[in-house]
Amino acid sequence: MCLVKLRLRRRVSSKVETTSPRGKSKKTTEDMSLELPTSYTRSPTFSRGSQTSVDSSKSLEILKGMLPDGAYIFNYLDIAKATDHFNPSRKVGASVFRGTVMGMDVAIVQENKGSRHINFVAELKNLCNLHHSNLVKVIGGCIRGDQVYLVYKFITGATLRECLRSSIFPGFTALNSWTARLQVALDVAKGLEYLHQHAVPPLIHKYIKSSSIILDSELHAQIAKVGVAQIKGECSVEPLVEVSSPSAQRINSTRSSPGPQRINSARSAPTPRRINSAGRINENTDNGASLGEYLGRSLGRSVGRSRSIRITGITGYLAPEYAAHGSISPKIDVFAFGVILLEILSGQEAVQLQQDLDENCLRKTFLPDVIAAIFADKDPRSRIRGWIDPLLRDAFPLDWACKAAQVAKSCVNPDPQERPEMCKVTLNLEHIFMASQVWQDSRTLLTTAITAR
C-alpha cells in the first residue's frame, strides 16, 4: 500500500514540475492559474497580458481618454454650461470665455468654421499632442453648425500687451528690466520654433500678436490660440520632396500620421493642388507666381490658400506676402514675431497714429518701417538708444540692444526668403540673453559695492 502511494506521488510531481534546458524548474499552467487574481478570467491558452477583468477594461478606457494622445470631444451642452451660455461676464478676451469643464479651469475659444472641409477629429488630436512649456495646452474641442470651439487650459495672468503698456497707469510696465523682456521674447521664439520644426505635423500659428501671448505671475510666456488656423481650415504644413522634372511626382511624407503616402502630381496648371496631412487640398492663388516664391521653401514646407478663404489677421502683424497674395508659410509667423520683438524693445504699439503736420491728418506708422528707418540712418546706434522703451530708464546694454534690434529687423524683412528660421532666431536671442545676464550681474555687483561704501 505504501509502495502504491509513493508511485502516485512521483507521477503527480512529474506533471507539476518540469526541468528547463537551463536546469531551472518551471511551473505548469495549472499552478500558474492558481496565482492569478480572482478578478481575472482564464482563457484556454494562458497569456498573462490577455487576462483582464471587466473592471480593468473599463478603467483602461477611462485612462485612455485622459492620455495626452487622446483628444476630448466635448458636447456643445457641456461647452454652453461651462460658459453659462456664453455669458458676457465670462468673456476674458476676443471670442474667449472662461469656464469649468470636468473640474478643470479652461479657456474656450469660439470661432467661425471655415468654408473648407477638415477632419476635425484628426486635427484636434494633433493639437492635443502638442506639448511645450511655451504653448497653452489644448485640451479638446467641439463643433456645432458653423461654429468651432477649442478648449484650452486656463492660464492666470495678463497678455504681453497689457504687461508692456498700461492704459490706466501710462508710466507703469510689469516688464521693468531688460533681461525680463529678453526672457519673454525667448519664450515666444521657442514656442514658435517647436510649432514650425518639432511638432508632428508642423504647424503655423498665423495669429501671433502681443495680445495672444499670456504671461503668468512669474512672467513666463505662453502662446495662446494655438491651432485656431488649423481648425478653421486656413493653413497646414507638410514636408515636400522637390523634384526637378516638371512631369515628376511629389510625395508628401506623413510623419507619424496613419495611412498610405499621398502623391501630388506637379502639373503645369496655374493652380497646382496639394494634399496635406489631413487629406485637405490646398491651392496656390498667386497668378503666374512660382511655387517657391512665397511659400518658404527654405524650410522645405509649403502651404497654399484656398480661393474661398479670405485674408484674416491683425493689421500690423500681417506679412506682406500674405496680405498681398494670401501665401502662407512659417515665415508669416517669423514676421509677426519680429513685430512682437520690436514691441518688447520699444514698448510701442505695432501700429501707431501720428499727426502729419504737413498734410494736417493722421498717418499710420508701422514698427517694421520705424526699425528700417533707424538702421538706414548714419548713426543707428544713437537712434536705438533713444528708441528703446524709456520705461527701462537706460538700464540696458546698448551693444546687445542693437543686436536684438538687428534680429527683429531681419524677422520683418519684406522678402520672406531673407527672414531667418525660428531656430536661428532662438539661437541668436539665447546668445543675447546670456550676455545681457552677465551685464546685469556685473551692474548689480557694482551697485552693491558703491552702496557699501
Protein backbone atom coordinates (compact mmCIF):
# COMPACT_ATOMS: atom_id res chain seq x y z
CA MET A 1 0.00 0.00 0.00
CA CYS A 2 2.82 2.39 0.84
CA LEU A 3 4.53 1.49 -2.41
CA VAL A 4 1.42 2.41 -4.42
CA LYS A 5 1.15 5.83 -2.67
CA LEU A 6 4.82 6.56 -3.35
CA ARG A 7 4.42 5.86 -7.08
CA LEU A 8 1.33 8.12 -7.26
CA ARG A 9 3.22 10.97 -5.62
CA ARG A 10 6.07 10.61 -8.13
CA ARG A 11 3.63 10.74 -11.05
CA VAL A 12 1.93 13.92 -9.71
CA SER A 13 5.25 15.63 -9.07
CA SER A 14 6.45 14.82 -12.59
CA LYS A 15 3.36 16.58 -14.00
CA VAL A 16 3.65 19.61 -11.73
CA GLU A 17 7.35 20.35 -12.27
CA THR A 18 9.41 20.09 -15.43
CA THR A 19 13.00 20.97 -15.99
CA SER A 20 14.01 23.67 -18.50
CA PRO A 21 17.08 23.33 -20.73
CA ARG A 22 19.00 25.59 -18.31
CA GLY A 23 18.06 23.39 -15.36
CA LYS A 24 15.55 25.75 -13.79
CA SER A 25 12.17 24.43 -12.71
CA LYS A 26 9.13 25.84 -14.45
CA LYS A 27 5.56 25.79 -13.17
CA THR A 28 2.84 24.33 -15.28
CA THR A 29 -0.23 26.23 -16.34
CA GLU A 30 -2.30 24.58 -13.63
CA ASP A 31 -0.08 26.02 -10.88
CA MET A 32 0.20 29.46 -12.51
CA SER A 33 -3.55 29.83 -12.85
CA LEU A 34 -3.87 29.48 -9.09
CA GLU A 35 -1.76 32.58 -8.55
CA LEU A 36 -3.93 34.86 -10.73
CA PRO A 37 -6.18 37.42 -9.03
CA THR A 38 -9.77 36.32 -8.75
CA SER A 39 -10.92 39.24 -10.93
CA TYR A 40 -9.13 37.81 -13.95
CA THR A 41 -10.64 35.15 -16.16
CA ARG A 42 -8.52 32.45 -17.66
CA SER A 43 -8.54 31.73 -21.39
CA PRO A 44 -7.95 28.23 -22.80
CA THR A 45 -4.37 29.17 -23.82
CA PHE A 46 -2.87 31.14 -20.96
CA SER A 47 -1.33 34.59 -21.57
CA ARG A 48 -0.75 36.90 -18.61
CA GLY A 49 -1.27 40.04 -20.80
CA SER A 50 -4.61 38.84 -22.10
CA GLN A 51 -6.10 38.20 -18.67
CA THR A 52 -8.21 41.33 -17.98
CA SER A 53 -11.31 41.77 -15.92
CA VAL A 54 -14.35 43.79 -16.82
CA ASP A 55 -13.42 46.38 -14.21
CA SER A 56 -9.88 46.66 -15.53
CA SER A 57 -11.06 47.16 -19.12
CA LYS A 58 -13.36 49.95 -18.00
CA SER A 59 -10.50 51.60 -16.12
CA LEU A 60 -8.30 51.38 -19.19
CA GLU A 61 -10.96 53.07 -21.30
CA ILE A 62 -11.16 55.92 -18.79
CA LEU A 63 -7.38 56.26 -18.69
CA LYS A 64 -7.18 56.20 -22.47
CA GLY A 65 -9.41 59.25 -22.63
CA MET A 66 -7.07 61.04 -20.24
CA LEU A 67 -3.85 60.20 -22.10
CA PRO A 68 -2.05 63.02 -23.95
CA ASP A 69 -2.75 61.46 -27.34
CA GLY A 70 -6.48 61.31 -26.63
CA ALA A 71 -8.38 64.47 -27.50
CA TYR A 72 -11.57 65.30 -25.62
CA ILE A 73 -14.52 65.77 -27.94
CA PHE A 74 -16.95 67.84 -25.89
CA ASN A 75 -20.69 68.06 -26.29
CA TYR A 76 -22.00 71.53 -27.07
CA LEU A 77 -24.19 71.39 -23.97
CA ASP A 78 -21.05 70.96 -21.87
CA ILE A 79 -19.48 73.99 -23.55
CA ALA A 80 -22.62 76.09 -23.06
CA LYS A 81 -22.92 75.05 -19.42
CA ALA A 82 -19.24 75.81 -18.75
CA THR A 83 -19.59 79.37 -20.09
CA ASP A 84 -23.07 79.98 -18.64
CA HIS A 85 -24.35 80.05 -22.21
CA PHE A 86 -21.55 82.42 -23.24
CA ASN A 87 -22.43 84.99 -20.65
CA PRO A 88 -20.58 88.28 -21.31
CA SER A 89 -19.35 88.19 -17.71
CA ARG A 90 -17.35 85.06 -18.62
CA LYS A 91 -15.61 86.79 -21.52
CA VAL A 92 -11.88 87.27 -20.95
CA GLY A 93 -10.84 88.26 -24.46
CA ALA A 94 -11.93 88.48 -28.06
CA SER A 95 -14.11 85.37 -28.56
CA VAL A 96 -12.55 83.79 -25.44
CA PHE A 97 -14.65 82.65 -22.48
CA ARG A 98 -13.58 81.28 -19.12
CA GLY A 99 -15.32 78.23 -17.73
CA THR A 100 -15.02 74.95 -15.86
CA VAL A 101 -15.15 71.58 -17.60
CA MET A 102 -14.62 68.26 -15.78
CA GLY A 103 -13.34 70.20 -12.80
CA MET A 104 -10.71 71.98 -14.87
CA ASP A 105 -10.41 75.74 -15.25
CA VAL A 106 -10.44 76.29 -19.01
CA ALA A 107 -10.49 78.99 -21.66
CA ILE A 108 -12.90 78.31 -24.53
CA VAL A 109 -12.22 79.98 -27.88
CA GLN A 110 -15.21 80.39 -30.19
CA GLU A 111 -14.52 80.78 -33.91
CA ASN A 112 -16.44 80.58 -37.17
CA LYS A 113 -15.84 77.43 -39.15
CA GLY A 114 -14.03 77.95 -42.44
CA SER A 115 -15.52 77.12 -45.80
CA ARG A 116 -13.13 74.24 -46.36
CA HIS A 117 -13.85 70.75 -45.09
CA ILE A 118 -11.42 69.44 -42.48
CA ASN A 119 -11.09 66.26 -40.48
CA PHE A 120 -11.95 67.85 -37.15
CA VAL A 121 -11.08 64.84 -35.02
CA ALA A 122 -7.71 64.31 -36.70
CA GLU A 123 -6.79 67.99 -36.43
CA LEU A 124 -7.88 68.13 -32.79
CA LYS A 125 -5.83 65.06 -31.93
CA ASN A 126 -2.75 66.66 -33.49
CA LEU A 127 -3.30 69.80 -31.43
CA CYS A 128 -3.77 67.85 -28.20
CA ASN A 129 -0.47 66.08 -28.88
CA LEU A 130 1.41 69.39 -28.68
CA HIS A 131 3.49 69.57 -25.51
CA HIS A 132 5.68 72.58 -24.85
CA SER A 133 6.09 74.84 -21.84
CA ASN A 134 5.64 77.94 -24.02
CA LEU A 135 2.33 76.83 -25.56
CA VAL A 136 -1.05 76.99 -23.85
CA LYS A 137 -2.22 73.38 -23.65
CA VAL A 138 -5.10 72.29 -25.91
CA ILE A 139 -7.49 70.00 -24.02
CA GLY A 140 -10.20 69.34 -26.60
CA GLY A 141 -12.85 70.90 -28.74
CA CYS A 142 -16.36 70.90 -30.10
CA ILE A 143 -18.01 71.64 -33.41
CA ARG A 144 -21.64 72.72 -33.87
CA GLY A 145 -23.08 74.09 -37.08
CA ASP A 146 -20.83 76.83 -38.41
CA GLN A 147 -19.10 77.30 -35.05
CA VAL A 148 -15.99 75.58 -33.73
CA TYR A 149 -14.81 75.65 -30.11
CA LEU A 150 -11.32 74.96 -28.81
CA VAL A 151 -10.83 74.25 -25.11
CA TYR A 152 -7.51 75.30 -23.58
CA LYS A 153 -6.05 75.13 -20.12
CA PHE A 154 -6.70 78.48 -18.44
CA ILE A 155 -3.59 80.46 -17.58
CA THR A 156 -3.90 83.05 -14.82
CA GLY A 157 -2.03 86.14 -15.88
CA ALA A 158 -2.05 89.01 -18.36
CA THR A 159 -1.26 89.45 -22.02
CA LEU A 160 2.10 90.72 -23.21
CA ARG A 161 0.40 93.85 -24.48
CA GLU A 162 -1.01 94.59 -21.03
CA CYS A 163 2.34 93.93 -19.35
CA LEU A 164 4.20 96.27 -21.70
CA ARG A 165 1.75 99.15 -21.57
CA SER A 166 -0.89 100.15 -19.06
CA SER A 167 -3.80 102.27 -20.22
CA ILE A 168 -4.63 103.10 -16.60
CA PHE A 169 -1.07 103.90 -15.48
CA PRO A 170 0.86 105.14 -18.53
CA GLY A 171 4.18 105.18 -16.68
CA PHE A 172 3.95 101.59 -15.43
CA THR A 173 5.21 98.37 -17.00
CA ALA A 174 5.37 94.88 -15.49
CA LEU A 175 8.44 94.19 -17.64
CA ASN A 176 10.67 96.76 -15.99
CA SER A 177 14.02 95.09 -16.67
CA TRP A 178 15.95 94.40 -19.84
CA THR A 179 16.55 90.71 -19.06
CA ALA A 180 12.88 90.14 -18.22
CA ARG A 181 11.91 91.40 -21.67
CA LEU A 182 14.51 89.25 -23.39
CA GLN A 183 13.28 86.21 -21.47
CA VAL A 184 9.73 86.79 -22.74
CA ALA A 185 10.98 87.16 -26.32
CA LEU A 186 12.99 83.96 -25.94
CA ASP A 187 9.96 82.08 -24.58
CA VAL A 188 7.84 83.08 -27.58
CA ALA A 189 10.64 82.21 -30.01
CA LYS A 190 10.99 78.73 -28.50
CA GLY A 191 7.26 78.12 -28.75
CA LEU A 192 7.19 79.06 -32.44
CA GLU A 193 10.30 77.01 -33.14
CA TYR A 194 8.54 73.98 -31.67
CA LEU A 195 5.46 74.52 -33.84
CA HIS A 196 7.48 75.00 -37.04
CA GLN A 197 10.19 72.38 -36.68
CA HIS A 198 9.39 69.89 -33.94
CA ALA A 199 5.62 69.41 -33.96
CA VAL A 200 4.22 66.48 -35.95
CA PRO A 201 2.84 67.58 -38.31
CA PRO A 202 4.43 71.06 -38.35
CA LEU A 203 2.01 73.91 -37.68
CA ILE A 204 1.68 77.60 -38.46
CA HIS A 205 0.11 79.77 -35.79
CA LYS A 206 -0.96 82.61 -38.13
CA TYR A 207 -2.44 84.77 -35.35
CA ILE A 208 0.69 85.75 -33.41
CA LYS A 209 0.32 89.14 -31.73
CA SER A 210 1.14 90.71 -28.38
CA SER A 211 -2.39 90.08 -27.09
CA SER A 212 -2.12 86.34 -27.85
CA ILE A 213 0.92 85.92 -25.57
CA ILE A 214 -0.01 85.14 -21.94
CA LEU A 215 2.39 85.93 -19.09
CA ASP A 216 1.86 84.20 -15.76
CA SER A 217 2.79 85.53 -12.32
CA GLU A 218 6.43 84.65 -12.90
CA LEU A 219 6.45 86.41 -16.32
CA HIS A 220 6.73 83.07 -18.09
CA ALA A 221 5.31 83.49 -21.60
CA GLN A 222 2.93 81.07 -23.32
CA ILE A 223 1.44 81.34 -26.79
CA ALA A 224 -2.36 81.21 -26.81
CA LYS A 225 -4.84 80.26 -29.53
CA VAL A 226 -2.61 77.55 -30.96
CA GLY A 227 -4.41 75.59 -33.66
CA VAL A 228 -7.16 78.11 -34.47
CA ALA A 229 -5.96 78.40 -38.07
CA GLN A 230 -5.87 74.61 -38.44
CA ILE A 231 -9.36 74.07 -37.02
CA LYS A 232 -10.72 76.79 -39.31
CA GLY A 233 -9.05 75.07 -42.28
CA GLU A 234 -6.91 78.07 -43.11
CA CYS A 235 -3.48 76.52 -43.21
CA SER A 236 -1.39 73.42 -42.70
CA VAL A 237 2.19 72.48 -43.38
CA GLU A 238 3.58 69.36 -44.97
CA PRO A 239 7.11 68.38 -45.98
CA LEU A 240 7.64 68.21 -49.74
CA VAL A 241 10.22 66.27 -51.74
CA GLU A 242 11.28 68.60 -54.52
CA VAL A 243 11.98 67.15 -57.97
CA SER A 244 13.45 68.90 -60.97
CA SER A 245 11.37 67.22 -63.66
CA PRO A 246 8.07 69.06 -64.28
CA SER A 247 6.34 65.80 -65.09
CA ALA A 248 7.56 64.02 -61.99
CA GLN A 249 5.54 63.46 -58.87
CA ARG A 250 5.86 64.97 -55.42
CA ILE A 251 5.45 62.68 -52.47
CA ASN A 252 4.33 64.13 -49.18
CA SER A 253 5.84 62.30 -46.25
CA THR A 254 3.36 61.82 -43.41
CA ARG A 255 5.43 61.50 -40.28
CA SER A 256 3.61 59.53 -37.62
CA SER A 257 0.31 60.03 -39.41
CA PRO A 258 -1.57 56.87 -40.36
CA GLY A 259 -2.49 55.95 -43.86
CA PRO A 260 -0.66 55.49 -47.14
CA GLN A 261 1.64 58.04 -48.70
CA ARG A 262 -0.03 60.77 -50.74
CA ILE A 263 1.30 61.61 -54.15
CA ASN A 264 0.82 65.01 -55.78
CA SER A 265 1.47 65.34 -59.45
CA ALA A 266 3.34 68.52 -60.41
CA ARG A 267 1.20 69.69 -63.26
CA SER A 268 1.79 72.93 -65.13
CA ALA A 269 -1.71 74.19 -64.39
CA PRO A 270 -1.88 77.72 -62.95
CA THR A 271 -3.42 76.49 -59.69
CA PRO A 272 -1.41 73.44 -58.53
CA ARG A 273 -3.11 71.42 -55.83
CA ARG A 274 -1.51 69.75 -52.82
CA ILE A 275 -2.98 67.26 -50.42
CA ASN A 276 -1.93 67.87 -46.85
CA SER A 277 -1.64 65.51 -43.93
CA ALA A 278 -5.34 65.86 -43.08
CA GLY A 279 -6.44 64.99 -46.59
CA ARG A 280 -7.24 68.60 -47.47
CA ILE A 281 -6.46 70.19 -50.82
CA ASN A 282 -4.50 73.43 -50.80
CA GLU A 283 -4.39 75.69 -53.82
CA ASN A 284 -1.88 78.35 -54.76
CA THR A 285 -3.69 81.50 -55.90
CA ASP A 286 -0.64 83.53 -56.96
CA ASN A 287 -1.24 84.32 -60.63
CA GLY A 288 1.89 83.48 -62.54
CA ALA A 289 3.98 83.13 -59.38
CA SER A 290 6.37 80.25 -58.94
CA LEU A 291 5.59 77.67 -56.28
CA GLY A 292 8.55 78.61 -54.13
CA GLU A 293 8.29 82.39 -54.43
CA TYR A 294 6.29 83.00 -51.29
CA LEU A 295 5.89 79.56 -49.75
CA GLY A 296 9.01 79.39 -47.59
CA ARG A 297 10.94 76.66 -49.35
CA SER A 298 13.88 77.35 -47.10
CA LEU A 299 12.06 75.20 -44.54
CA GLY A 300 11.16 72.52 -47.05
CA ARG A 301 7.46 73.04 -46.37
CA SER A 302 4.79 74.98 -48.14
CA VAL A 303 1.17 75.85 -47.73
CA GLY A 304 -1.30 77.19 -50.22
CA ARG A 305 -4.51 79.08 -49.63
CA SER A 306 -7.94 78.14 -50.89
CA ARG A 307 -9.63 80.67 -53.15
CA SER A 308 -12.58 80.72 -50.78
CA ILE A 309 -10.50 81.67 -47.71
CA ARG A 310 -10.33 85.40 -47.14
CA ILE A 311 -7.31 87.21 -45.75
CA THR A 312 -7.57 87.25 -41.96
CA GLY A 313 -5.27 88.64 -39.32
CA ILE A 314 -4.36 91.73 -37.36
CA THR A 315 -3.10 94.88 -39.05
CA GLY A 316 0.50 95.46 -38.16
CA TYR A 317 1.33 91.76 -37.84
CA LEU A 318 0.45 90.62 -41.37
CA ALA A 319 3.40 89.59 -43.52
CA PRO A 320 3.49 91.44 -46.88
CA GLU A 321 3.31 88.26 -48.99
CA TYR A 322 0.21 87.08 -47.12
CA ALA A 323 -1.54 90.45 -47.22
CA ALA A 324 -0.86 90.82 -50.95
CA HIS A 325 -1.15 87.25 -52.25
CA GLY A 326 -2.59 85.12 -49.46
CA SER A 327 0.55 82.98 -49.44
CA ILE A 328 1.06 81.10 -46.19
CA SER A 329 4.33 79.71 -44.85
CA PRO A 330 6.11 79.58 -41.49
CA LYS A 331 7.73 82.87 -42.47
CA ILE A 332 4.48 84.75 -41.74
CA ASP A 333 4.90 83.73 -38.09
CA VAL A 334 8.52 84.89 -38.23
CA PHE A 335 7.33 88.30 -39.45
CA ALA A 336 4.74 88.55 -36.68
CA PHE A 337 7.34 87.55 -34.11
CA GLY A 338 9.62 90.30 -35.40
CA VAL A 339 6.86 92.83 -34.76
CA ILE A 340 6.39 91.46 -31.23
CA LEU A 341 10.13 91.74 -30.59
CA LEU A 342 10.02 95.36 -31.75
CA GLU A 343 7.16 95.97 -29.30
CA ILE A 344 9.16 94.39 -26.48
CA LEU A 345 12.22 96.53 -27.24
CA SER A 346 10.44 99.84 -27.77
CA GLY A 347 7.28 99.49 -25.68
CA GLN A 348 5.34 100.91 -28.63
CA GLU A 349 2.21 99.64 -30.37
CA ALA A 350 2.58 97.64 -33.59
CA VAL A 351 0.60 100.37 -35.37
CA GLN A 352 0.56 103.98 -34.19
CA LEU A 353 -1.35 107.01 -35.35
CA GLN A 354 0.80 110.11 -35.68
CA GLN A 355 -0.11 113.64 -36.67
CA ASP A 356 1.17 114.73 -40.07
CA LEU A 357 1.71 118.47 -39.73
CA ASP A 358 2.31 118.98 -43.45
CA GLU A 359 -0.99 117.48 -44.60
CA ASN A 360 -2.86 118.07 -41.31
CA CYS A 361 -4.00 114.47 -40.97
CA LEU A 362 -3.27 111.29 -39.05
CA ARG A 363 -0.90 108.74 -40.52
CA LYS A 364 -0.35 105.13 -39.54
CA THR A 365 3.18 104.24 -38.51
CA PHE A 366 4.25 100.59 -38.55
CA LEU A 367 7.11 99.31 -36.41
CA PRO A 368 8.83 97.48 -39.32
CA ASP A 369 9.06 100.83 -41.13
CA VAL A 370 10.41 102.51 -37.99
CA ILE A 371 13.23 99.99 -37.48
CA ALA A 372 14.13 100.11 -41.18
CA ALA A 373 14.47 103.89 -40.97
CA ILE A 374 16.64 103.61 -37.84
CA PHE A 375 19.14 101.27 -39.48
CA ALA A 376 19.14 103.40 -42.63
CA ASP A 377 20.41 106.33 -40.54
CA LYS A 378 24.11 107.20 -40.47
CA ASP A 379 24.23 106.64 -36.72
CA PRO A 380 21.76 103.83 -35.89
CA ARG A 381 23.39 103.22 -32.52
CA SER A 382 22.35 106.58 -31.09
CA ARG A 383 18.92 106.26 -32.69
CA ILE A 384 18.37 102.89 -30.99
CA ARG A 385 19.35 104.34 -27.61
CA GLY A 386 16.54 106.86 -27.89
CA TRP A 387 14.13 104.32 -29.39
CA ILE A 388 14.37 101.65 -26.65
CA ASP A 389 11.47 101.90 -24.18
CA PRO A 390 12.05 104.92 -21.89
CA LEU A 391 10.45 102.96 -19.03
CA LEU A 392 13.67 100.93 -18.84
CA ARG A 393 15.45 104.20 -17.87
CA ASP A 394 18.56 103.43 -19.96
CA ALA A 395 19.21 100.30 -17.85
CA PHE A 396 20.25 98.09 -20.77
CA PRO A 397 23.47 97.18 -22.60
CA LEU A 398 23.45 99.27 -25.76
CA ASP A 399 25.59 96.85 -27.79
CA TRP A 400 23.26 93.94 -27.14
CA ALA A 401 20.20 96.12 -27.60
CA CYS A 402 21.48 96.94 -31.11
CA LYS A 403 21.93 93.23 -31.84
CA ALA A 404 18.43 92.44 -30.59
CA ALA A 405 17.06 95.20 -32.82
CA GLN A 406 19.01 93.70 -35.72
CA VAL A 407 17.37 90.32 -35.08
CA ALA A 408 13.94 91.96 -35.12
CA LYS A 409 14.78 93.80 -38.34
CA SER A 410 15.76 90.55 -40.06
CA CYS A 411 12.49 88.95 -38.98
CA VAL A 412 10.37 91.73 -40.56
CA ASN A 413 12.28 91.70 -43.84
CA PRO A 414 9.76 92.26 -46.69
CA ASP A 415 11.28 89.32 -48.56
CA PRO A 416 10.22 86.06 -46.83
CA GLN A 417 13.28 84.27 -48.20
CA GLU A 418 15.52 86.69 -46.32
CA ARG A 419 13.85 86.07 -42.99
CA PRO A 420 15.60 83.61 -40.68
CA GLU A 421 14.07 80.40 -39.44
CA MET A 422 12.86 80.42 -35.86
CA CYS A 423 15.65 78.08 -34.75
CA LYS A 424 18.21 80.70 -35.80
CA VAL A 425 16.20 83.44 -34.13
CA THR A 426 16.11 81.42 -30.91
CA LEU A 427 19.86 80.80 -31.04
CA ASN A 428 20.62 84.50 -31.52
CA LEU A 429 18.29 85.54 -28.71
CA GLU A 430 19.80 82.98 -26.34
CA HIS A 431 23.24 84.45 -27.02
CA ILE A 432 21.98 87.99 -26.43
CA PHE A 433 20.13 86.93 -23.28
CA MET A 434 23.16 85.23 -21.72
CA ALA A 435 25.40 88.21 -22.49
CA SER A 436 22.76 90.54 -21.02
CA GLN A 437 22.64 88.44 -17.86
CA VAL A 438 26.41 88.84 -17.47
CA TRP A 439 25.98 92.59 -17.93
CA GLN A 440 23.17 92.63 -15.36
CA ASP A 441 25.22 90.69 -12.81
CA SER A 442 28.23 92.96 -13.18
CA ARG A 443 25.99 96.00 -12.87
CA THR A 444 24.42 94.60 -9.68
CA LEU A 445 27.84 93.92 -8.15
CA LEU A 446 28.98 97.44 -8.97
CA THR A 447 25.86 98.94 -7.43
CA THR A 448 26.30 96.83 -4.30
CA ALA A 449 29.93 97.90 -3.96
CA ILE A 450 29.06 101.57 -4.32
CA THR A 451 26.26 101.27 -1.76
CA ALA A 452 28.57 99.52 0.73
CA ARG A 453 30.93 102.48 0.65
